[in-house]
Amino acid sequence: MDPVHIVGAGVSGMGAAHYLAQRGIPSIIHEAGTHVGGRAACIRQGEHAFETGGKNFSSGWKRFNTLLNEFGIAEFEDQHPGFHIVLNDQLVALKKSATLKGDLRLAASLGPRGALQFRNFLSFARQNADRLNYTSGLIAEVERQWDHSTIDRHFTQRLTDGPLRLFSIIMGGAEPSELYPSLMMLFASGFGKGSHHAIKGGIGRFHDRLAEGKNIRFGAKVRRIVTCDGRVTALELEDGNRLRSEPASRVISAVPAHVLRQIVDLPAYGRVAIDALRYFPLALVNVVYDAPVFRDGVHSIMFEPGAPLGHCSANRLTAPHHVRFTLSGKAARDILDRPDAELVQIAEDTFSRRLPITANRLAVHVARHPGGICGYAPYFTKVKQDMLRAVATLQGLEIAGDFLEGHTMEGCLTSADLAVQRLLLPAAQTSVAA
């Protein structure tokens, strides 16, 4: 049986290979880099594991938890119970498990109107957590009602600059003036889906098991998915300093949408749909210190507008000495191209205005995501439909990625499973017809 060729060894790509293997179908993953995990990688340096993207999961993620059980991964650590947000130049707590009921300090910081708006927003997100996705249809209704304006146009400034900016920054390094309410609602609904944890030892344990037994070709950059007469025929690959062509009749692209746009020719409406997706660059800095940096019940800080540091947290509740600084948002974009050492210093200086750092660095890792983490667009349901419709014009091509079913690892796995199902659907129909 000819293998299915997969572009990218992130969670979506490896997930696609896994779901194909469950059906007895071989695959080849072409990965331009040197490691698996994509933008949610785990880089190991000696005794340290530096997670450079998504690392937490929810007990409500069905596909992810199914794989954890399959892999025998059962040692977890609790995620942070909440955030501290810089509001009115003070750190104000926001607990994930609580609404604004009884939270007088947060309510006072937001003002009566902002407090009511936030309570109503979270209440809707939690009550409809299982239906706020791109398959049930409810998110399309939210899009119709809300996506005519960006987040900042719908809510009070104090709410926008505080809790709602937390969602937009963590969601994809963007400001509330750059994203739309349906995307924020999709993210906030995750707060109502089960309990949240991290894998003990790092997300790399999950990646390693997902990659096990897979045929992954590192350093193989796909320059072009070659098509002829509406069919996939080959991959044009860059291996080192040479270009070569490899026959391929079935391909799953599991790279970001803007990379997909570069490697395959799609109909005009498909190109327009992909171009509607916006990606926001950021840098993620892991630093291990010789003493705790987080303290006094603070585990995670969301910084104010204008700060180059968007968000920062202890890598684990049990590791207040291991800090993940995320340089994101508009102010960060002015400094993202500076040397690693400058980024580390800027992150520490910004953080120290809230919690002074007196410890010494033991290890540092800087991960840059110049292309962004996730792609977002208003009225995304229609955008997604146009992308899938355009891909369907090319027989043997399917797509997966965090821009299709949500930016989480569960969303990546969902998109991978659905891509495999769509890819195999013509064969299944042909078999039934025969």
Protein backbone atom coordinates (compact mmCIF):
# COMPACT_ATOMS: atom_id res chain seq x y z
CA MET A 1 0.00 0.00 0.00
CA ASP A 2 1.37 3.42 -0.95
CA PRO A 3 2.02 5.58 2.12
CA VAL A 4 0.23 8.81 2.90
CA HIS A 5 2.73 11.67 2.96
CA ILE A 6 2.32 14.12 5.85
CA VAL A 7 3.88 17.58 5.90
CA GLY A 8 4.96 18.57 9.42
CA ALA A 9 5.69 16.63 12.63
CA GLY A 10 3.69 18.80 14.99
CA VAL A 11 0.78 17.43 17.02
CA SER A 12 -1.50 17.56 13.95
CA GLY A 13 0.98 15.75 11.70
CA MET A 14 1.87 13.05 14.19
CA GLY A 15 -1.79 12.72 15.11
CA ALA A 16 -2.67 12.11 11.46
CA ALA A 17 0.03 9.45 11.23
CA HIS A 18 -1.33 7.81 14.38
CA TYR A 19 -4.92 7.70 13.12
CA LEU A 20 -3.72 6.30 9.80
CA ALA A 21 -1.71 3.61 11.61
CA GLN A 22 -4.82 2.60 13.55
CA ARG A 23 -6.38 1.84 10.17
CA GLY A 24 -3.34 -0.09 8.99
CA ILE A 25 -2.22 2.65 6.57
CA PRO A 26 1.50 3.57 6.45
CA SER A 27 2.66 7.17 6.37
CA ILE A 28 5.80 9.25 5.92
CA ILE A 29 6.14 12.50 7.87
CA HIS A 30 8.33 15.18 6.30
CA GLU A 31 9.65 17.57 8.98
CA ALA A 32 11.84 20.52 8.03
CA GLY A 33 13.19 20.89 11.57
CA THR A 34 15.10 18.66 13.93
CA HIS A 35 12.45 17.77 16.49
CA VAL A 36 8.81 16.79 16.82
CA GLY A 37 6.04 18.81 18.44
CA GLY A 38 6.10 21.81 16.12
CA ARG A 39 5.14 25.00 17.90
CA ALA A 40 4.32 22.98 21.04
CA ALA A 41 7.74 21.36 21.22
CA CYS A 42 9.65 20.27 24.30
CA ILE A 43 13.38 20.94 24.02
CA ARG A 44 15.60 18.99 26.39
CA GLN A 45 18.88 20.44 27.59
CA GLY A 46 20.53 18.21 30.14
CA GLU A 47 18.22 17.86 33.14
CA HIS A 48 15.87 20.59 31.93
CA ALA A 49 12.81 20.25 29.68
CA PHE A 50 11.84 23.52 28.02
CA GLU A 51 8.26 23.54 26.73
CA THR A 52 8.01 26.12 23.96
CA GLY A 53 4.27 26.14 23.34
CA GLY A 54 1.14 24.39 24.60
CA LYS A 55 1.83 22.18 27.61
CA ASN A 56 -1.44 21.91 29.55
CA PHE A 57 -4.49 19.78 28.86
CA SER A 58 -8.05 19.40 30.08
CA SER A 59 -9.69 16.28 31.45
CA GLY A 60 -12.49 17.13 29.01
CA TRP A 61 -10.31 16.57 25.92
CA LYS A 62 -11.54 13.20 24.65
CA ARG A 63 -8.94 12.48 21.96
CA PHE A 64 -5.98 13.67 24.00
CA ASN A 65 -6.99 11.68 27.07
CA THR A 66 -7.65 8.58 24.96
CA LEU A 67 -4.07 8.77 23.75
CA LEU A 68 -2.75 9.33 27.28
CA ASN A 69 -4.48 6.10 28.33
CA GLU A 70 -3.18 4.29 25.26
CA PHE A 71 0.38 5.45 25.99
CA GLY A 72 0.18 4.62 29.69
CA ILE A 73 0.92 8.21 30.72
CA ALA A 74 -0.72 8.67 34.11
CA GLU A 75 1.48 11.04 36.13
CA PHE A 76 0.16 14.59 36.04
CA GLU A 77 0.55 17.92 37.80
CA ASP A 78 -2.19 20.45 38.45
CA GLN A 79 -2.29 23.57 36.34
CA HIS A 80 -2.36 27.03 37.93
CA PRO A 81 -5.71 27.64 39.68
CA GLY A 82 -5.84 31.17 38.29
CA PHE A 83 -4.05 34.28 37.12
CA HIS A 84 -3.03 37.60 38.54
CA ILE A 85 -3.81 40.50 36.19
CA VAL A 86 -2.19 43.91 36.35
CA LEU A 87 -5.19 46.25 36.76
CA ASN A 88 -4.87 49.84 37.91
CA ASP A 89 -1.18 49.16 38.59
CA GLN A 90 -2.01 46.36 41.02
CA LEU A 91 -2.01 42.55 40.82
CA VAL A 92 -5.63 41.37 40.92
CA ALA A 93 -6.47 37.65 41.18
CA LEU A 94 -8.72 35.86 38.69
CA LYS A 95 -9.59 32.29 39.67
CA LYS A 96 -10.50 29.94 36.83
CA SER A 97 -13.11 28.11 38.88
CA ALA A 98 -14.97 31.24 39.98
CA THR A 99 -17.21 33.78 38.34
CA LEU A 100 -17.39 37.33 39.63
CA LYS A 101 -19.92 36.35 42.27
CA GLY A 102 -18.38 37.38 45.57
CA ASP A 103 -15.11 38.46 43.95
CA LEU A 104 -15.33 42.02 45.20
CA ARG A 105 -11.76 43.09 44.43
CA LEU A 106 -11.96 42.07 40.78
CA ALA A 107 -15.45 43.56 40.46
CA ALA A 108 -14.24 46.84 41.94
CA SER A 109 -11.31 46.92 39.53
CA LEU A 110 -13.58 46.40 36.53
CA GLY A 111 -16.40 48.71 37.61
CA PRO A 112 -20.11 47.74 37.75
CA ARG A 113 -20.68 47.59 33.98
CA GLY A 114 -17.43 45.75 33.25
CA ALA A 115 -18.06 43.30 36.10
CA LEU A 116 -21.53 42.50 34.75
CA GLN A 117 -20.25 42.10 31.19
CA PHE A 118 -17.50 39.74 32.33
CA ARG A 119 -19.83 37.67 34.47
CA ASN A 120 -22.30 37.26 31.60
CA PHE A 121 -19.52 36.43 29.16
CA LEU A 122 -17.99 33.71 31.36
CA SER A 123 -21.41 32.33 32.26
CA PHE A 124 -22.31 31.84 28.59
CA ALA A 125 -18.93 30.29 27.81
CA ARG A 126 -19.15 27.81 30.67
CA GLN A 127 -22.78 26.85 30.16
CA ASN A 128 -22.15 26.14 26.49
CA ALA A 129 -18.61 24.75 26.75
CA ASP A 130 -19.48 21.49 24.95
CA ARG A 131 -21.20 23.30 22.07
CA LEU A 132 -18.71 26.09 21.44
CA ASN A 133 -16.71 24.47 18.66
CA TYR A 134 -16.62 24.44 14.87
CA THR A 135 -18.85 21.40 14.47
CA SER A 136 -21.90 22.02 16.69
CA GLY A 137 -22.90 25.27 15.00
CA LEU A 138 -23.17 27.46 18.10
CA ILE A 139 -19.92 29.29 17.42
CA ALA A 140 -21.33 30.32 14.02
CA GLU A 141 -24.23 31.94 15.85
CA VAL A 142 -21.78 33.82 18.08
CA GLU A 143 -19.91 34.94 14.95
CA ARG A 144 -23.08 36.32 13.38
CA GLN A 145 -23.96 38.31 16.47
CA TRP A 146 -20.54 39.56 17.52
CA ASP A 147 -17.86 39.43 14.80
CA HIS A 148 -18.81 42.71 13.13
CA SER A 149 -16.34 44.44 15.50
CA THR A 150 -13.18 43.55 17.40
CA ILE A 151 -13.25 42.62 21.08
CA ASP A 152 -12.38 46.09 22.34
CA ARG A 153 -15.45 47.60 20.65
CA HIS A 154 -17.87 45.40 22.62
CA PHE A 155 -16.72 45.78 26.22
CA THR A 156 -15.60 48.44 28.69
CA GLN A 157 -11.98 49.54 28.49
CA ARG A 158 -11.07 48.22 31.95
CA LEU A 159 -12.51 44.81 31.10
CA THR A 160 -10.79 44.85 27.72
CA ASP A 161 -7.42 45.88 29.16
CA GLY A 162 -7.66 43.26 31.91
CA PRO A 163 -9.33 39.81 31.80
CA LEU A 164 -10.28 39.90 28.11
CA ARG A 165 -6.77 40.91 27.09
CA LEU A 166 -5.57 37.92 29.08
CA PHE A 167 -7.57 35.68 26.76
CA SER A 168 -6.40 37.37 23.57
CA ILE A 169 -2.72 37.46 24.56
CA ILE A 170 -2.58 33.84 25.75
CA MET A 171 -4.71 32.71 22.83
CA GLY A 172 -2.31 33.95 20.20
CA GLY A 173 -0.17 36.92 21.19
CA ALA A 174 -2.77 39.43 19.97
CA GLU A 175 -4.44 42.53 21.38
CA PRO A 176 -8.23 42.76 21.90
CA SER A 177 -8.23 45.31 19.07
CA GLU A 178 -6.88 42.60 16.74
CA LEU A 179 -9.20 39.70 17.52
CA TYR A 180 -12.92 39.05 17.42
CA PRO A 181 -15.38 37.92 20.12
CA SER A 182 -16.09 34.45 18.70
CA LEU A 183 -12.40 33.54 19.03
CA MET A 184 -12.29 34.78 22.60
CA MET A 185 -15.47 32.84 23.39
CA LEU A 186 -13.92 29.68 21.94
CA PHE A 187 -10.90 30.09 24.20
CA ALA A 188 -12.88 30.99 27.33
CA SER A 189 -15.11 27.94 26.91
CA GLY A 190 -12.04 25.84 27.72
CA PHE A 191 -12.24 27.13 31.28
CA GLY A 192 -15.45 25.16 31.66
CA LYS A 193 -14.20 21.84 30.29
CA GLY A 194 -13.02 19.61 33.10
CA SER A 195 -9.92 20.07 35.24
CA HIS A 196 -6.59 21.23 33.83
CA HIS A 197 -3.26 19.49 34.22
CA ALA A 198 0.24 19.11 32.80
CA ILE A 199 2.17 15.91 32.16
CA LYS A 200 4.79 15.25 34.79
CA GLY A 201 8.18 15.43 33.11
CA GLY A 202 6.95 17.63 30.28
CA ILE A 203 4.77 17.45 27.17
CA GLY A 204 7.74 15.83 25.43
CA ARG A 205 6.70 12.50 26.98
CA PHE A 206 3.45 12.69 24.98
CA HIS A 207 5.24 13.72 21.80
CA ASP A 208 7.74 10.88 22.13
CA ARG A 209 5.00 8.28 22.42
CA LEU A 210 3.00 9.82 19.58
CA ALA A 211 6.12 9.74 17.39
CA GLU A 212 6.94 6.14 18.31
CA GLY A 213 6.96 3.82 15.30
CA LYS A 214 6.32 6.68 12.87
CA ASN A 215 8.46 7.19 9.77
CA ILE A 216 9.66 10.77 10.33
CA ARG A 217 12.19 12.29 7.95
CA PHE A 218 13.85 15.23 9.67
CA GLY A 219 15.45 18.03 7.66
CA ALA A 220 13.09 17.39 4.75
CA LYS A 221 11.44 20.66 3.74
CA VAL A 222 8.47 20.41 1.41
CA ARG A 223 8.76 23.19 -1.15
CA ARG A 224 5.73 22.25 -3.21
CA ILE A 225 2.82 19.83 -3.27
CA VAL A 226 2.75 19.04 -6.98
CA THR A 227 -0.63 18.60 -8.66
CA CYS A 228 -1.75 17.77 -12.17
CA ASP A 229 -5.29 17.68 -13.58
CA GLY A 230 -6.79 18.19 -10.11
CA ARG A 231 -4.80 15.39 -8.45
CA VAL A 232 -1.80 15.27 -6.11
CA THR A 233 1.11 13.65 -7.96
CA ALA A 234 4.30 14.40 -6.02
CA LEU A 235 6.17 16.37 -3.41
CA GLU A 236 9.03 18.68 -4.27
CA LEU A 237 11.49 18.35 -1.39
CA GLU A 238 14.54 20.25 -0.28
CA ASP A 239 16.98 17.84 1.37
CA GLY A 240 20.05 19.76 2.42
CA ASN A 241 21.27 21.62 -0.67
CA ARG A 242 19.40 19.62 -3.27
CA LEU A 243 15.87 19.54 -4.63
CA ARG A 244 14.20 16.28 -5.47
CA SER A 245 10.75 15.03 -6.40
CA GLU A 246 9.04 12.17 -4.62
CA PRO A 247 5.90 10.56 -6.05
CA ALA A 248 2.88 10.99 -3.79
CA SER A 249 -0.78 10.41 -4.47
CA ARG A 250 -2.13 11.23 -0.99
CA VAL A 251 -0.88 14.11 1.17
CA ILE A 252 -2.01 15.63 4.47
CA SER A 253 -0.65 19.12 5.07
CA ALA A 254 -0.23 19.70 8.83
CA VAL A 255 1.59 23.04 8.68
CA PRO A 256 0.29 26.55 9.52
CA ALA A 257 -2.14 28.03 7.02
CA HIS A 258 0.29 30.63 5.73
CA VAL A 259 2.80 27.86 4.96
CA LEU A 260 0.09 25.83 3.21
CA ARG A 261 -0.57 28.90 1.04
CA GLN A 262 3.07 28.79 -0.14
CA ILE A 263 3.31 25.09 -0.99
CA VAL A 264 0.14 24.35 -2.94
CA ASP A 265 -1.91 26.10 -5.62
CA LEU A 266 -5.51 26.49 -4.49
CA PRO A 267 -8.50 28.13 -6.20
CA ALA A 268 -8.79 31.89 -5.73
CA TYR A 269 -11.48 31.69 -3.04
CA GLY A 270 -9.27 29.31 -1.06
CA ARG A 271 -6.32 31.68 -1.26
CA VAL A 272 -8.53 34.55 -0.09
CA ALA A 273 -9.76 32.45 2.84
CA ILE A 274 -6.22 31.60 3.96
CA ASP A 275 -5.12 35.21 3.57
CA ALA A 276 -7.92 36.22 5.98
CA LEU A 277 -6.16 34.34 8.77
CA ARG A 278 -3.88 36.52 10.88
CA TYR A 279 -0.86 35.23 12.79
CA PHE A 280 0.83 37.21 15.54
CA PRO A 281 4.56 36.72 16.31
CA LEU A 282 5.91 36.16 19.80
CA ALA A 283 8.90 34.81 21.71
CA LEU A 284 8.80 32.39 24.61
CA VAL A 285 11.65 32.49 27.12
CA ASN A 286 12.22 29.67 29.62
CA VAL A 287 14.53 30.48 32.53
CA VAL A 288 15.49 28.20 35.42
CA TYR A 289 16.70 30.02 38.54
CA ASP A 290 18.51 28.84 41.66
CA ALA A 291 15.66 29.98 43.92
CA PRO A 292 11.87 30.53 43.63
CA VAL A 293 10.76 33.55 41.62
CA PHE A 294 7.00 33.22 42.07
CA ARG A 295 5.71 33.56 45.64
CA ASP A 296 2.89 34.82 47.87
CA GLY A 297 0.27 32.75 46.07
CA VAL A 298 1.15 34.22 42.67
CA HIS A 299 1.79 31.63 39.95
CA SER A 300 0.89 33.44 36.73
CA ILE A 301 0.83 37.13 35.75
CA MET A 302 -0.93 38.86 32.87
CA PHE A 303 0.73 42.22 32.21
CA GLU A 304 -0.79 45.54 31.25
CA PRO A 305 -1.15 47.01 27.72
CA GLY A 306 2.09 48.63 26.62
CA ALA A 307 4.27 46.11 28.46
CA PRO A 308 6.54 44.03 26.18
CA LEU A 309 5.91 41.04 28.42
CA GLY A 310 2.42 39.75 27.71
CA HIS A 311 2.19 36.84 30.11
CA CYS A 312 4.43 34.95 32.50
CA SER A 313 3.93 31.86 34.65
CA ALA A 314 5.73 29.29 36.72
CA ASN A 315 6.29 26.31 34.45
CA ARG A 316 4.66 24.16 37.16
CA LEU A 317 3.04 24.87 40.51
CA THR A 318 5.80 22.71 41.98
CA ALA A 319 8.52 24.67 40.17
CA PRO A 320 8.29 28.39 41.09
CA HIS A 321 11.97 28.66 40.10
CA HIS A 322 11.27 27.70 36.45
CA VAL A 323 9.66 30.66 34.68
CA ARG A 324 8.08 30.93 31.21
CA PHE A 325 8.12 34.52 29.94
CA THR A 326 5.98 35.20 26.85
CA LEU A 327 6.90 38.35 24.95
CA SER A 328 3.72 39.06 22.99
CA GLY A 329 1.31 41.80 22.00
CA LYS A 330 1.91 45.03 20.11
CA ALA A 331 4.66 46.38 22.37
CA ALA A 332 6.62 43.14 22.13
CA ARG A 333 6.72 43.24 18.34
CA ASP A 334 9.08 46.20 18.44
CA ILE A 335 11.73 44.15 20.25
CA LEU A 336 11.27 40.56 19.05
CA ASP A 337 14.18 40.76 16.59
CA ARG A 338 16.69 41.71 19.26
CA PRO A 339 19.33 39.20 20.48
CA ASP A 340 18.29 36.48 22.92
CA ALA A 341 20.15 38.07 25.83
CA GLU A 342 18.25 41.34 25.38
CA LEU A 343 14.90 39.55 25.30
CA VAL A 344 15.73 37.75 28.54
CA GLN A 345 16.74 41.02 30.21
CA ILE A 346 13.62 42.86 29.01
CA ALA A 347 11.44 40.03 30.31
CA GLU A 348 13.14 40.03 33.71
CA ASP A 349 13.04 43.82 34.04
CA THR A 350 9.31 43.92 33.24
CA PHE A 351 8.54 41.06 35.61
CA SER A 352 10.62 42.56 38.43
CA ARG A 353 8.37 45.61 38.55
CA ARG A 354 5.72 43.30 39.97
CA LEU A 355 7.80 40.61 41.72
CA PRO A 356 11.48 41.50 42.06
CA ILE A 357 13.81 38.72 40.90
CA THR A 358 16.70 38.12 43.30
CA ALA A 359 17.65 34.63 42.12
CA ASN A 360 20.40 33.72 39.66
CA ARG A 361 19.88 32.09 36.26
CA LEU A 362 20.87 28.45 35.90
CA ALA A 363 19.59 27.76 32.38
CA VAL A 364 17.94 29.77 29.60
CA HIS A 365 16.13 28.82 26.40
CA VAL A 366 14.61 31.31 23.93
CA ALA A 367 12.07 30.10 21.36
CA ARG A 368 10.96 32.52 18.67
CA HIS A 369 7.68 32.03 16.82
CA PRO A 370 7.99 34.67 14.06
CA GLY A 371 5.15 33.14 12.08
CA GLY A 372 2.87 33.12 15.10
CA ILE A 373 1.25 30.35 17.10
CA CYS A 374 -2.30 30.27 15.70
CA GLY A 375 -4.23 31.81 12.85
CA TYR A 376 -7.46 33.70 13.50
CA ALA A 377 -10.14 35.40 11.42
CA PRO A 378 -13.59 36.88 12.04
CA TYR A 379 -16.55 34.80 10.85
CA PHE A 380 -14.18 31.85 10.85
CA THR A 381 -16.84 29.23 10.12
CA LYS A 382 -17.21 30.62 6.60
CA VAL A 383 -13.43 30.98 6.21
CA LYS A 384 -12.97 27.34 7.20
CA GLN A 385 -15.67 26.19 4.77
CA ASP A 386 -13.94 27.99 1.90
CA MET A 387 -10.55 26.49 2.81
CA LEU A 388 -11.92 22.96 2.93
CA ARG A 389 -13.91 23.48 -0.26
CA ALA A 390 -10.77 24.67 -2.04
CA VAL A 391 -8.72 21.71 -0.79
CA ALA A 392 -11.46 19.32 -1.91
CA THR A 393 -10.84 20.39 -5.53
CA LEU A 394 -7.50 18.53 -5.38
CA GLN A 395 -7.91 14.79 -5.14
CA GLY A 396 -5.53 13.24 -2.63
CA LEU A 397 -5.00 16.41 -0.54
CA GLU A 398 -6.23 17.07 2.98
CA ILE A 399 -5.28 19.59 5.67
CA ALA A 400 -4.96 19.55 9.45
CA GLY A 401 -3.71 22.12 11.94
CA ASP A 402 -4.53 24.34 14.90
CA PHE A 403 -6.25 26.85 12.61
CA LEU A 404 -9.13 24.45 11.84
CA GLU A 405 -10.66 23.06 15.04
CA GLY A 406 -9.20 25.30 17.72
CA HIS A 407 -5.70 26.24 18.84
CA THR A 408 -5.32 23.54 21.53
CA MET A 409 -3.62 20.16 21.23
CA GLU A 410 -7.10 18.63 21.33
CA GLY A 411 -8.03 20.85 18.39
CA CYS A 412 -4.93 19.65 16.53
CA LEU A 413 -5.83 16.00 17.13
CA THR A 414 -9.43 16.63 16.11
CA SER A 415 -8.32 18.24 12.85
CA ALA A 416 -5.94 15.32 12.22
CA ASP A 417 -8.65 12.71 12.78
CA LEU A 418 -11.09 14.57 10.52
CA ALA A 419 -8.42 14.99 7.82
CA VAL A 420 -7.79 11.24 7.80
CA GLN A 421 -11.52 10.55 7.59
CA ARG A 422 -11.93 12.92 4.65
CA LEU A 423 -8.87 11.53 2.88
CA LEU A 424 -10.17 7.97 3.13
CA LEU A 425 -13.78 8.81 2.34
CA PRO A 426 -13.46 8.46 -1.48
CA ALA A 427 -11.87 5.03 -1.07
CA ALA A 428 -14.66 3.98 1.30
CA GLN A 429 -17.31 5.20 -1.16
CA THR A 430 -15.59 3.37 -4.03
CA SER A 431 -15.53 0.17 -1.97
CA VAL A 432 -19.25 0.45 -1.18
CA ALA A 433 -20.05 1.16 -4.82
CA ALA A 434 -18.10 -1.93 -5.93
